[in-house]
Protein backbone atom coordinates (compact mmCIF):
# COMPACT_ATOMS: atom_id res chain seq x y z
CA MET A 1 -2.73 -8.92 14.78
CA SER A 2 -0.38 -5.95 14.45
CA LYS A 3 -1.47 -2.46 15.43
CA GLN A 4 -1.34 -1.27 11.81
CA HIS A 5 -3.49 -4.20 10.69
CA ARG A 6 -5.93 -3.50 13.53
CA LEU A 7 -6.21 0.20 12.62
CA ASN A 8 -6.88 -0.66 8.99
CA SER A 9 -9.50 -3.19 10.08
CA ILE A 10 -11.26 -0.55 12.19
CA LEU A 11 -11.34 1.82 9.21
CA GLU A 12 -12.70 -0.91 6.95
CA LEU A 13 -15.51 -1.58 9.43
CA LEU A 14 -16.26 2.14 9.55
CA VAL A 15 -16.39 2.32 5.75
CA GLN A 16 -18.88 -0.54 5.70
CA ARG A 17 -21.12 0.67 8.54
CA GLY A 18 -20.65 4.44 8.79
CA SER A 19 -20.41 4.26 12.59
CA LEU A 20 -18.96 1.82 15.06
CA GLU A 21 -19.36 1.21 18.80
CA VAL A 22 -16.37 0.31 20.95
CA GLU A 23 -18.00 -3.00 21.90
CA GLU A 24 -18.67 -3.88 18.24
CA ALA A 25 -15.08 -3.25 17.22
CA ALA A 26 -13.65 -5.13 20.21
CA SER A 27 -15.82 -8.16 19.42
CA ALA A 28 -15.01 -8.09 15.69
CA LEU A 29 -11.27 -7.83 16.25
CA ASN A 30 -11.12 -9.96 19.43
CA VAL A 31 -9.29 -7.35 21.50
CA SER A 32 -10.06 -5.48 24.72
CA LEU A 33 -12.29 -2.44 25.01
CA ALA A 34 -9.32 -0.43 26.28
CA THR A 35 -7.31 -1.31 23.15
CA ILE A 36 -10.14 -0.20 20.87
CA ARG A 37 -10.57 3.07 22.77
CA ARG A 38 -6.85 3.79 22.33
CA ASP A 39 -7.07 2.92 18.65
CA PHE A 40 -10.10 5.18 18.18
CA ASP A 41 -8.24 8.03 19.89
CA ALA A 42 -5.16 7.48 17.71
CA LEU A 43 -7.23 7.53 14.52
CA ALA A 44 -9.18 10.56 15.69
CA ALA A 45 -5.91 12.42 16.29
CA ARG A 46 -5.04 11.75 12.64
CA GLN A 47 -8.52 12.96 11.60
CA LEU A 48 -9.38 9.55 10.17
CA LEU A 49 -12.54 9.19 12.26
CA ASN A 50 -14.75 11.24 14.58
CA ARG A 51 -15.00 10.13 18.19
CA THR A 52 -18.48 9.88 19.67
CA HIS A 53 -19.75 8.85 23.09
CA GLY A 54 -19.03 5.12 23.14
CA GLY A 55 -17.79 4.84 19.58
CA ALA A 56 -16.79 6.57 16.34
CA THR A 57 -18.16 7.72 13.00
CA ALA A 58 -16.52 7.77 9.60
CA THR A 59 -14.90 10.80 7.99
CA GLY A 60 -13.65 11.39 4.47
CA GLY A 61 -10.28 10.13 5.65
CA SER A 62 -11.85 6.87 6.81
CA PHE A 63 -13.27 6.34 3.35
CA SER A 64 -10.06 6.95 1.46
CA LEU A 65 -7.53 5.12 3.61
CA PRO A 66 -8.43 1.49 2.88
CA LEU A 67 -8.09 1.92 -0.87
CA THR A 68 -5.11 4.28 -0.91
CA TYR A 69 -2.91 3.10 1.94
CA LYS A 70 -4.14 -0.41 2.62
CA VAL A 71 -3.89 -1.50 -0.99
CA ALA A 72 -0.43 0.01 -1.21
CA LYS A 73 0.91 -1.86 1.80
CA SER A 74 2.26 -5.36 1.36
CA ASP A 75 -0.41 -8.02 1.60
CA ASP A 76 1.10 -11.32 0.58
CA ALA A 77 -2.17 -13.28 0.64
CA LYS A 78 -3.91 -10.91 -1.76
CA LYS A 79 -0.89 -10.81 -4.04
CA ARG A 80 -0.84 -14.62 -4.19
CA ILE A 81 -4.57 -14.69 -4.92
CA ALA A 82 -4.05 -12.13 -7.69
CA SER A 83 -1.21 -14.15 -9.22
CA VAL A 84 -3.39 -17.27 -9.40
CA ALA A 85 -6.23 -15.23 -10.89
CA SER A 86 -4.00 -13.74 -13.57
CA ALA A 87 -2.82 -17.23 -14.58
CA MET A 88 -6.46 -18.17 -15.37
CA VAL A 89 -6.71 -15.48 -18.04
CA VAL A 90 -5.89 -16.07 -21.71
CA ARG A 91 -4.67 -13.38 -24.09
CA ASN A 92 -7.44 -11.48 -25.92
CA GLN A 93 -10.06 -12.36 -23.31
CA ILE A 94 -12.55 -9.93 -21.82
CA VAL A 95 -12.12 -9.69 -18.04
CA GLY A 96 -14.63 -8.25 -15.58
CA LEU A 97 -13.47 -6.66 -12.31
CA ASN A 98 -15.52 -5.06 -9.56
CA GLY A 99 -13.98 -2.77 -6.94
CA GLY A 100 -12.03 -3.75 -3.85
CA THR A 101 -8.56 -4.34 -2.51
CA THR A 102 -8.21 -7.88 -3.87
CA THR A 103 -9.50 -7.10 -7.35
CA THR A 104 -7.14 -4.12 -7.46
CA GLU A 105 -4.29 -6.57 -6.92
CA VAL A 106 -5.72 -8.76 -9.71
CA ALA A 107 -5.67 -5.76 -12.05
CA ARG A 108 -2.03 -5.11 -11.16
CA ALA A 109 -1.12 -8.75 -11.71
CA LEU A 110 -2.73 -8.71 -15.15
CA ALA A 111 -0.89 -5.51 -16.08
CA ALA A 112 2.44 -7.02 -15.01
CA ASP A 113 1.91 -10.40 -16.70
CA SER A 114 4.35 -10.76 -19.62
CA ARG A 115 1.78 -12.83 -21.54
CA PHE A 116 -0.23 -9.65 -21.98
CA ALA A 117 2.60 -7.44 -23.22
CA ALA A 118 1.81 -5.00 -26.01
CA GLY A 119 1.88 -6.51 -29.52
CA ASP A 120 2.66 -4.93 -32.87
CA ALA A 121 0.94 -1.77 -34.01
CA GLY A 122 -2.51 -2.61 -35.30
CA ASP A 123 -2.83 -5.77 -33.18
CA PRO A 124 -5.97 -6.11 -31.05
CA PRO A 125 -5.56 -5.33 -27.34
CA ALA A 126 -3.96 -8.06 -25.30
CA LEU A 127 -6.88 -7.85 -22.88
CA THR A 128 -10.12 -5.98 -22.48
CA VAL A 129 -11.07 -5.12 -18.89
CA VAL A 130 -14.61 -4.13 -17.97
CA THR A 131 -14.83 -2.50 -14.56
CA ASN A 132 -17.01 -0.25 -12.43
CA ALA A 133 -14.02 0.67 -10.20
CA LEU A 134 -12.53 4.10 -10.83
CA ASN A 135 -9.21 3.30 -9.15
CA ILE A 136 -8.70 0.17 -11.28
CA ALA A 137 -9.58 2.04 -14.47
CA THR A 138 -7.13 4.81 -13.55
CA GLU A 139 -4.27 2.37 -12.98
CA LEU A 140 -4.88 0.39 -16.17
CA THR A 141 -5.52 3.33 -18.50
CA VAL A 142 -1.76 3.90 -18.90
CA ARG A 143 -1.31 0.26 -19.97
CA HIS A 144 -1.70 0.59 -23.72
CA GLN A 145 -1.99 -3.15 -24.24
CA ILE A 146 -5.19 -3.24 -22.18
CA LYS A 147 -8.49 -1.84 -23.43
CA ILE A 148 -10.49 -0.35 -20.56
CA VAL A 149 -14.28 -0.24 -20.56
CA VAL A 150 -15.65 1.71 -17.59
CA THR A 151 -19.29 1.59 -16.65
CA GLY A 152 -21.07 4.86 -16.06
CA GLY A 153 -22.83 5.54 -12.82
CA VAL A 154 -22.61 7.37 -9.52
CA ALA A 155 -19.26 7.07 -7.71
CA ARG A 156 -19.30 5.82 -4.12
CA PRO A 157 -16.36 7.36 -2.20
CA GLN A 158 -16.25 4.40 0.17
CA SER A 159 -15.18 1.96 -2.57
CA TYR A 160 -14.55 4.02 -5.75
CA GLU A 161 -17.23 1.87 -7.43
CA LEU A 162 -19.73 3.25 -9.92
CA THR A 163 -23.32 2.18 -9.28
CA GLY A 164 -26.82 2.86 -10.54
CA PRO A 165 -28.74 2.60 -13.83
CA PHE A 166 -25.94 4.09 -15.97
CA SER A 167 -23.66 1.25 -14.86
CA GLU A 168 -26.34 -1.28 -15.63
CA GLU A 169 -26.92 0.18 -19.11
CA VAL A 170 -23.30 -0.46 -20.10
CA LEU A 171 -23.14 -3.92 -18.53
CA ASN A 172 -26.34 -5.02 -20.25
CA ASN A 173 -24.58 -4.49 -23.57
CA VAL A 174 -21.30 -6.35 -23.04
CA MET A 175 -20.16 -9.95 -22.84
CA ILE A 176 -17.39 -11.01 -20.43
CA ASP A 177 -15.26 -14.15 -20.59
CA ILE A 178 -14.17 -14.30 -16.95
CA ALA A 179 -15.13 -12.09 -14.00
CA PHE A 180 -13.11 -11.74 -10.82
CA ILE A 181 -15.43 -10.59 -8.05
CA GLY A 182 -14.28 -9.29 -4.69
CA VAL A 183 -16.75 -9.79 -1.85
CA GLU A 184 -17.36 -8.74 1.73
CA ALA A 185 -18.79 -12.12 2.75
CA LEU A 186 -19.01 -15.63 1.33
CA ASP A 187 -20.66 -18.79 2.58
CA PRO A 188 -22.33 -21.90 1.08
CA ILE A 189 -25.85 -20.89 2.11
CA ASN A 190 -26.02 -17.20 1.16
CA GLY A 191 -23.31 -17.12 -1.49
CA ALA A 192 -21.25 -14.01 -2.22
CA GLY A 193 -22.38 -10.78 -0.59
CA ALA A 194 -21.75 -7.06 -0.19
CA SER A 195 -22.80 -4.57 2.47
CA HIS A 196 -24.22 -2.01 0.06
CA GLU A 197 -27.18 -2.98 -2.11
CA ASP A 198 -26.27 -0.73 -5.06
CA GLU A 199 -22.77 -2.20 -5.26
CA ALA A 200 -24.19 -5.72 -4.97
CA ARG A 201 -26.59 -5.06 -7.86
CA VAL A 202 -23.83 -3.90 -10.22
CA ASN A 203 -21.47 -6.65 -9.09
CA HIS A 204 -24.24 -9.19 -9.68
CA LEU A 205 -24.65 -7.89 -13.22
CA ILE A 206 -20.89 -8.13 -13.91
CA ALA A 207 -21.07 -11.78 -12.82
CA SER A 208 -24.26 -12.43 -14.81
CA ARG A 209 -22.65 -11.17 -18.03
CA SER A 210 -19.68 -13.52 -17.57
CA LYS A 211 -19.05 -17.04 -18.83
CA LYS A 212 -17.00 -17.85 -15.72
CA VAL A 213 -17.36 -16.32 -12.25
CA VAL A 214 -14.34 -16.40 -9.93
CA ILE A 215 -14.59 -15.07 -6.38
CA VAL A 216 -11.27 -13.65 -5.14
CA THR A 217 -11.19 -13.22 -1.38
CA ASP A 218 -8.96 -13.68 1.62
CA SER A 219 -10.17 -16.23 4.15
CA SER A 220 -11.40 -13.60 6.64
CA LYS A 221 -14.50 -13.06 4.49
CA PHE A 222 -15.80 -16.56 5.25
CA THR A 223 -16.70 -15.45 8.78
CA ASN A 224 -18.35 -12.18 7.71
CA SER A 225 -22.01 -11.49 7.05
CA SER A 226 -23.44 -9.09 4.49
CA PHE A 227 -26.67 -7.33 3.63
CA ALA A 228 -27.05 -7.91 -0.12
CA ILE A 229 -26.38 -10.95 -2.31
CA ILE A 230 -24.04 -10.63 -5.28
CA ARG A 231 -24.21 -14.22 -6.47
CA PRO A 232 -25.74 -17.44 -5.08
CA ALA A 233 -23.15 -20.05 -4.19
CA ALA A 234 -24.52 -22.49 -6.78
CA GLU A 235 -23.72 -19.98 -9.54
CA ILE A 236 -20.06 -19.51 -8.60
CA ASN A 237 -17.50 -21.45 -10.64
CA THR A 238 -14.30 -20.91 -8.66
CA VAL A 239 -13.10 -19.41 -5.38
CA ILE A 240 -9.49 -18.31 -4.99
CA THR A 241 -8.48 -17.76 -1.36
CA ASP A 242 -5.62 -18.28 1.10
CA ASP A 243 -4.82 -21.23 3.36
CA GLY A 244 -6.74 -19.70 6.25
CA ILE A 245 -9.99 -21.18 4.93
CA ALA A 246 -11.45 -23.72 7.35
CA PRO A 247 -11.42 -27.30 5.97
CA THR A 248 -15.15 -27.62 6.66
CA MET A 249 -15.87 -24.46 4.66
CA LYS A 250 -13.74 -25.73 1.77
CA ARG A 251 -15.60 -29.05 1.75
CA GLU A 252 -19.01 -27.36 1.83
CA LEU A 253 -18.12 -25.16 -1.14
CA GLU A 254 -16.75 -28.11 -3.09
CA LYS A 255 -19.95 -30.08 -2.43
CA LEU A 256 -21.75 -27.36 -4.37
CA GLY A 257 -19.46 -27.95 -7.35
CA ILE A 258 -17.28 -24.90 -6.67
CA GLU A 259 -13.59 -25.23 -7.44
CA VAL A 260 -11.63 -23.94 -4.43
CA VAL A 261 -8.07 -22.86 -5.22
CA ILE A 262 -5.66 -22.12 -2.36
CA ALA A 263 -3.13 -19.44 -3.30
C-alpha cells in the first residue's frame, strides 16, 4: 500500500468513526504503530486531523478530502466497476444512485456514455437520475441530456448525502428501474451495510423503490463490518466488484442467487 493510499484510508476511517486510535488504524491497515504515528503527524500538519493522546479526531478537512481528492485521483478498479455498471443501463431508464466514491464514478460513466447523448429538442431525457448525493447532482446538472431528481433532506458533510424525512418523502413517490448502491460493508449473512443509520435508511429506500438493485463496491468492503443494514443479501440482484474478491465470498453470494460481476 502506497503512502498516499494509506493516508486516504486513514481519513476514510476517521470520516466513518469520528476518532481513531493508533492501534485501531495500525490493525486496520496492517502497518506498524510507528508508521501510523508518522502518518497522523503528517495529516495533522496539513490540518486534516487533530492529534490526541494515542490517536486522532476528525476535522472539516478530514470530511472533505475523501470525496474531493480521493474521487479525483485515479482508481482503476472503481472506474472499471463504473464502466460495467453504465453498460447495464438502457436509454430512458430511471437510475438511482446513493452517495460514495464508487457511485460518483458510476455517475461520471453514465454522463460520458455515448448511448446517452442528448437527442433532438423536445425529446425526453436520455436518462433520469434520482440521487440523495449533492456532489453527484452537482456534476450531472450540467449534463442537459440527464434529468436530475434530488431528494430533500439534511446534508451530511461526511458523505454529501441528504438524509431524513424529507428525503424519504421524495423517494416514497418515485419509481426507479435500476439502483446502483455503494456500501461500506457487504457479506452473505448481513447483506449490504453502512456505518451511519440515517444514510442506511435512505439508501435502503432507494433500493426498495427499484426494480433491480446492483451493489457497486471494491473488494475491500467484503472484509469490513458496518452498523446499519441497507439491504439483506437475499434482496440484492447483482454485485459488481474487482478481482480482489475471495473465491469463497463469490461462491457464497452466488449461492444466494446474486449475480457477481468482476470488472
